[in-house]
Amino acid sequence: MTLQFPLLDVPLAPGAPSRLSKPFGSLFALTLFCLMPAAPALAAASASSSVMLEELTSTELRSRIDHGATTVLVPIGGVEQSGPYIALGKHNVRAGLLARQIAQKLGNTIVAPVVSYVPEGAISPPAGHMRFAGTISIPPAAFEAVLEGAAASLRQHGFRDIIFLGDHGGYQKSEQNVANKLNQAWGKAATAKDARAHALLDYYDITQSQYIAELQKRGYSSAEIGLHGGLADAALMLAADPSLVRSEAMAHGPKPGVADGVRGDATRATAELGQIGVKLQVDASVAAIRKLLQRNK
């Protein structure tokens, strides 16, 4: 037996009346019709309140800037090998996720798209990470030009504090070079809009100092923590996106070494250990940004 509604075709249980009353059917259909727009409306509201520039419309972003969201984070990642057990997009994912958390804590802050193409060493003949499949490298001059163009674009739209967050150690100096160059140019411009560029080196330095110290306090050795693809790297990735760590293979497969592009031992890495580093990076970055914003008032 089947119920016929304008919007529904509902099978009835055996023994149930052959048809519901027409008023009830109409009321039921009307109720569903009224509820249907709720999900899209909620999704739209959620998107418009996002801190991610790419998730906003141009009009929404313009309104946010006009109402005080004049700080923008430019997360910088990179595509590089981290051995057989950590995916190539490690830095991109971490930079985007941490930038989102930092912006949410700061308030009135927007996150620009992650800069994914960065210097990773000589291409031909290949050196460093470029010796391993998947690593993508661009010249330092090209990288700095991308940062300059992105920052100038953001300034043009009304952002006043443009902050570079670099997740990789190899280009920290380039970030600072670009910030210095932009601030010098903007300071001299006749139409200067009081914008400032900042290289937030604290963001990266935390993983190289406080986080490593915290892991050592918990009994992990420097050799295990490692410098690349080791316990620290894998733990941070497990906290950010565990799907990018081949945990099963890492636990039971061979331990990679320098010849495999790894310096460290990730076997005992956990998401819980990674959360320690994430919290340190986010909290330290928020404190540092608040300090520099206060100083620039």
Protein backbone atom coordinates (compact mmCIF):
# COMPACT_ATOMS: atom_id res chain seq x y z
CA MET A 1 0.00 0.00 0.00
CA THR A 2 1.34 3.43 -0.85
CA LEU A 3 0.48 6.92 0.38
CA GLN A 4 0.16 9.53 -2.38
CA PHE A 5 1.19 13.05 -1.35
CA PRO A 6 2.04 15.95 -3.60
CA LEU A 7 5.63 15.77 -2.34
CA LEU A 8 5.85 12.26 -0.88
CA ASP A 9 5.40 8.64 -1.79
CA VAL A 10 5.42 6.85 1.57
CA PRO A 11 4.84 3.05 1.93
CA LEU A 12 2.50 2.16 4.78
CA ALA A 13 3.00 -0.71 7.20
CA PRO A 14 0.75 -3.75 6.72
CA GLY A 15 -2.67 -3.18 8.23
CA ALA A 16 -2.40 0.60 8.14
CA PRO A 17 -5.18 2.65 6.54
CA SER A 18 -4.92 2.78 2.78
CA ARG A 19 -4.69 6.59 2.75
CA LEU A 20 -4.10 9.37 5.26
CA SER A 21 -6.64 12.13 5.38
CA LYS A 22 -6.13 14.86 2.80
CA PRO A 23 -5.82 17.66 5.41
CA PHE A 24 -3.15 15.68 7.26
CA GLY A 25 -1.26 15.00 4.03
CA SER A 26 -1.35 18.66 3.04
CA LEU A 27 -0.21 19.75 6.49
CA PHE A 28 2.64 17.22 6.46
CA ALA A 29 3.83 18.33 3.03
CA LEU A 30 3.60 22.00 4.02
CA THR A 31 5.67 21.32 7.15
CA LEU A 32 8.40 19.67 5.10
CA PHE A 33 8.34 22.49 2.57
CA CYS A 34 8.83 25.06 5.35
CA LEU A 35 11.75 23.12 6.80
CA MET A 36 13.61 22.53 3.54
CA PRO A 37 15.26 26.00 3.23
CA ALA A 38 16.67 25.78 6.77
CA ALA A 39 19.80 23.77 5.90
CA PRO A 40 20.95 25.99 2.99
CA ALA A 41 20.28 29.09 5.07
CA LEU A 42 22.38 27.76 7.94
CA ALA A 43 25.17 26.83 5.54
CA ALA A 44 25.14 30.31 4.02
CA ALA A 45 25.29 31.92 7.46
CA SER A 46 28.21 29.69 8.42
CA ALA A 47 30.10 30.51 5.23
CA SER A 48 29.63 34.25 5.58
CA SER A 49 31.09 34.15 9.11
CA SER A 50 34.16 32.19 8.01
CA VAL A 51 37.64 33.63 8.58
CA MET A 52 38.87 32.12 5.29
CA LEU A 53 39.06 34.63 2.44
CA GLU A 54 38.33 31.97 -0.18
CA GLU A 55 35.06 31.03 1.55
CA LEU A 56 33.70 34.59 1.42
CA THR A 57 32.14 36.50 -1.43
CA SER A 58 33.75 39.77 -2.46
CA THR A 59 30.83 41.68 -0.96
CA GLU A 60 31.07 39.82 2.34
CA LEU A 61 34.79 40.47 2.54
CA ARG A 62 34.33 44.17 1.75
CA SER A 63 31.84 44.45 4.60
CA ARG A 64 34.15 42.61 7.01
CA ILE A 65 37.06 44.95 6.20
CA ASP A 66 34.84 48.01 6.51
CA HIS A 67 33.77 46.80 9.96
CA GLY A 68 37.30 46.40 11.28
CA ALA A 69 38.72 43.11 9.96
CA THR A 70 41.90 44.78 8.71
CA THR A 71 44.39 42.09 9.75
CA VAL A 72 45.14 39.29 7.29
CA LEU A 73 47.28 36.20 7.71
CA VAL A 74 49.18 34.82 4.72
CA PRO A 75 49.95 31.17 5.55
CA ILE A 76 52.91 29.74 3.66
CA GLY A 77 53.36 26.00 3.21
CA GLY A 78 55.21 24.09 0.54
CA VAL A 79 55.19 20.77 -1.28
CA GLU A 80 58.05 18.56 -0.15
CA GLN A 81 58.81 14.98 0.67
CA SER A 82 58.79 13.82 4.28
CA GLY A 83 59.67 10.20 3.76
CA PRO A 84 57.39 7.24 3.04
CA TYR A 85 54.82 7.86 5.78
CA ILE A 86 53.89 11.57 5.65
CA ALA A 87 52.11 13.08 2.63
CA LEU A 88 53.67 15.76 0.45
CA GLY A 89 51.12 18.42 1.41
CA LYS A 90 52.13 18.43 5.09
CA HIS A 91 53.13 22.10 5.27
CA ASN A 92 50.13 23.35 3.28
CA VAL A 93 47.61 21.59 5.49
CA ARG A 94 49.28 22.60 8.75
CA ALA A 95 49.72 26.23 7.69
CA GLY A 96 46.08 26.57 6.68
CA LEU A 97 44.68 24.84 9.75
CA LEU A 98 46.82 26.76 12.25
CA ALA A 99 46.19 30.07 10.51
CA ARG A 100 42.44 29.45 10.82
CA GLN A 101 42.76 28.79 14.55
CA ILE A 102 44.95 31.86 15.05
CA ALA A 103 42.50 34.08 13.18
CA GLN A 104 39.53 32.75 15.16
CA LYS A 105 41.29 33.51 18.44
CA LEU A 106 42.37 36.99 17.33
CA GLY A 107 39.03 38.11 15.96
CA ASN A 108 38.67 40.64 13.11
CA THR A 109 41.24 38.65 11.16
CA ILE A 110 41.04 37.01 7.73
CA VAL A 111 43.15 34.15 6.34
CA ALA A 112 44.43 34.45 2.77
CA PRO A 113 44.97 31.33 0.60
CA VAL A 114 47.97 29.19 1.49
CA VAL A 115 51.07 29.95 -0.58
CA SER A 116 51.98 26.45 -1.77
CA TYR A 117 54.89 26.98 -4.14
CA VAL A 118 58.11 27.77 -2.28
CA PRO A 119 61.89 27.36 -2.64
CA GLU A 120 62.93 23.76 -1.92
CA GLY A 121 66.41 23.67 -3.44
CA ALA A 122 68.07 23.29 -6.82
CA ILE A 123 66.07 21.47 -9.47
CA SER A 124 68.74 20.41 -11.95
CA PRO A 125 70.83 18.78 -10.74
CA PRO A 126 68.40 18.09 -7.89
CA ALA A 127 69.48 18.85 -4.36
CA GLY A 128 67.92 18.39 -0.92
CA HIS A 129 64.24 17.49 -1.03
CA MET A 130 64.21 17.78 -4.82
CA ARG A 131 65.94 14.38 -4.91
CA PHE A 132 62.60 12.80 -3.97
CA ALA A 133 59.44 12.52 -6.09
CA GLY A 134 56.76 15.13 -5.58
CA THR A 135 58.80 17.99 -4.18
CA ILE A 136 58.13 21.26 -6.03
CA SER A 137 60.64 24.09 -5.92
CA ILE A 138 60.66 27.63 -7.27
CA PRO A 139 63.50 30.19 -7.23
CA PRO A 140 63.69 32.44 -4.13
CA ALA A 141 63.17 35.53 -6.31
CA ALA A 142 59.93 34.10 -7.72
CA PHE A 143 58.74 33.19 -4.23
CA GLU A 144 59.45 36.68 -2.91
CA ALA A 145 57.66 38.20 -5.90
CA VAL A 146 54.56 36.10 -5.10
CA LEU A 147 54.56 37.32 -1.49
CA GLU A 148 55.02 40.93 -2.64
CA GLY A 149 52.14 40.69 -5.10
CA ALA A 150 49.82 39.00 -2.63
CA ALA A 151 50.58 41.55 0.10
CA ALA A 152 50.16 44.50 -2.28
CA SER A 153 46.80 43.12 -3.41
CA LEU A 154 45.60 42.72 0.17
CA ARG A 155 46.75 46.23 1.05
CA GLN A 156 44.85 47.59 -1.95
CA HIS A 157 41.63 46.13 -0.57
CA GLY A 158 42.05 47.77 2.83
CA PHE A 159 44.02 45.37 5.00
CA ARG A 160 46.39 47.25 7.28
CA ASP A 161 48.42 44.45 8.89
CA ILE A 162 49.57 41.72 6.52
CA ILE A 163 51.25 38.88 8.38
CA PHE A 164 53.32 36.09 6.82
CA LEU A 165 53.13 32.72 8.64
CA GLY A 166 55.76 30.36 7.28
CA ASP A 167 55.49 26.65 8.18
CA HIS A 168 58.87 25.77 6.67
CA GLY A 169 62.33 26.79 7.83
CA GLY A 170 63.93 27.28 4.43
CA TYR A 171 62.24 30.55 3.51
CA GLN A 172 62.04 32.43 6.80
CA LYS A 173 64.69 34.89 5.61
CA SER A 174 62.73 35.53 2.40
CA GLU A 175 59.64 36.39 4.44
CA GLN A 176 61.61 38.97 6.37
CA ASN A 177 63.18 40.36 3.17
CA VAL A 178 59.75 40.89 1.64
CA ALA A 179 58.30 42.51 4.77
CA ASN A 180 61.25 44.91 4.96
CA LYS A 181 61.01 45.78 1.26
CA LEU A 182 57.27 46.41 1.38
CA ASN A 183 57.42 48.53 4.52
CA GLN A 184 60.15 50.67 3.02
CA ALA A 185 58.16 51.17 -0.19
CA TRP A 186 54.85 51.78 1.53
CA GLY A 187 56.40 54.23 3.95
CA LYS A 188 57.67 56.36 1.07
CA ALA A 189 54.55 56.16 -1.09
CA ALA A 190 52.69 59.43 -1.53
CA THR A 191 49.43 57.50 -1.30
CA ALA A 192 50.51 55.33 1.62
CA LYS A 193 47.59 53.69 3.39
CA ASP A 194 49.41 53.03 6.66
CA ALA A 195 49.68 49.32 5.92
CA ARG A 196 52.44 47.20 7.40
CA ALA A 197 53.84 43.79 6.44
CA HIS A 198 55.10 41.44 9.14
CA ALA A 199 57.11 38.22 9.04
CA LEU A 200 55.92 36.37 12.14
CA LEU A 201 59.03 34.30 12.77
CA ASP A 202 57.70 33.26 16.19
CA TYR A 203 55.20 31.01 14.41
CA TYR A 204 57.97 28.74 13.10
CA ASP A 205 60.46 29.21 15.91
CA ILE A 206 58.05 27.70 18.44
CA THR A 207 58.25 24.29 16.75
CA GLN A 208 62.04 24.45 16.88
CA SER A 209 62.34 25.45 20.52
CA GLN A 210 59.40 25.14 22.92
CA TYR A 211 57.76 22.17 21.23
CA ILE A 212 60.96 20.17 21.05
CA ALA A 213 61.65 21.03 24.70
CA GLU A 214 58.17 19.77 25.66
CA LEU A 215 58.75 16.50 23.83
CA GLN A 216 62.12 16.04 25.52
CA LYS A 217 60.48 16.58 28.92
CA ARG A 218 58.27 13.61 28.09
CA GLY A 219 61.29 11.37 27.50
CA TYR A 220 61.70 11.55 23.74
CA SER A 221 65.27 11.92 22.50
CA SER A 222 66.51 14.49 20.02
CA ALA A 223 67.32 11.70 17.59
CA GLU A 224 63.74 10.41 17.78
CA ILE A 225 62.13 13.86 17.60
CA GLY A 226 64.22 14.51 14.52
CA LEU A 227 64.68 17.41 12.15
CA HIS A 228 62.50 16.20 9.27
CA GLY A 229 59.88 13.45 9.07
CA GLY A 230 60.55 12.35 12.63
CA LEU A 231 58.35 12.16 15.70
CA ALA A 232 57.70 15.93 15.93
CA ASP A 233 56.71 16.20 12.27
CA ALA A 234 54.45 13.15 12.32
CA ALA A 235 52.78 14.12 15.61
CA LEU A 236 51.93 17.60 14.31
CA MET A 237 50.50 16.05 11.16
CA LEU A 238 48.44 13.53 13.10
CA ALA A 239 46.95 16.43 15.08
CA ALA A 240 46.23 18.42 11.92
CA ASP A 241 45.02 15.72 9.53
CA PRO A 242 45.68 12.04 10.38
CA SER A 243 44.65 10.96 6.88
CA LEU A 244 47.96 12.35 5.62
CA VAL A 245 50.00 10.00 7.83
CA ARG A 246 50.33 6.34 6.88
CA SER A 247 50.08 5.22 10.49
CA GLU A 248 49.67 1.49 9.88
CA ALA A 249 52.65 1.32 7.54
CA MET A 250 54.67 3.52 9.88
CA ALA A 251 54.00 1.22 12.82
CA HIS A 252 54.86 -2.01 11.01
CA GLY A 253 57.07 -1.01 8.10
CA PRO A 254 60.80 -0.40 7.96
CA LYS A 255 62.22 2.65 9.70
CA PRO A 256 63.34 5.17 7.09
CA GLY A 257 66.65 7.02 7.34
CA VAL A 258 68.51 9.89 5.72
CA ALA A 259 68.65 8.00 2.41
CA ASP A 260 64.84 7.97 2.46
CA GLY A 261 64.59 11.70 3.20
CA VAL A 262 63.96 11.30 6.94
CA ARG A 263 65.90 12.51 9.98
CA GLY A 264 64.18 11.15 13.07
CA ASP A 265 61.92 8.28 14.13
CA ALA A 266 58.17 8.87 13.88
CA THR A 267 57.09 5.45 15.15
CA ARG A 268 55.81 6.67 18.55
CA ALA A 269 54.12 9.81 17.24
CA THR A 270 50.54 10.45 18.38
CA ALA A 271 47.92 13.10 17.75
CA GLU A 272 47.99 13.93 21.46
CA LEU A 273 51.68 14.82 21.23
CA GLY A 274 50.93 16.87 18.13
CA GLN A 275 48.24 18.86 19.92
CA ILE A 276 50.88 20.11 22.34
CA GLY A 277 52.75 21.66 19.42
CA VAL A 278 49.61 23.02 17.77
CA LYS A 279 48.56 24.76 20.98
CA LEU A 280 52.03 26.22 21.49
CA GLN A 281 52.15 27.56 17.93
CA VAL A 282 48.66 29.02 18.03
CA ASP A 283 48.97 30.61 21.47
CA ALA A 284 52.44 32.05 20.82
CA SER A 285 51.38 33.42 17.44
CA VAL A 286 48.25 35.04 18.86
CA ALA A 287 50.28 36.68 21.64
CA ALA A 288 52.94 37.91 19.20
CA ILE A 289 50.36 39.32 16.78
CA ARG A 290 48.45 41.10 19.52
CA LYS A 291 51.71 42.65 20.66
CA LEU A 292 52.67 43.94 17.23
CA LEU A 293 49.15 45.23 16.52
CA GLN A 294 49.19 47.12 19.80
CA ARG A 295 52.60 48.55 18.96
CA ASN A 296 51.37 49.78 15.57
CA LYS A 297 48.35 51.65 16.94
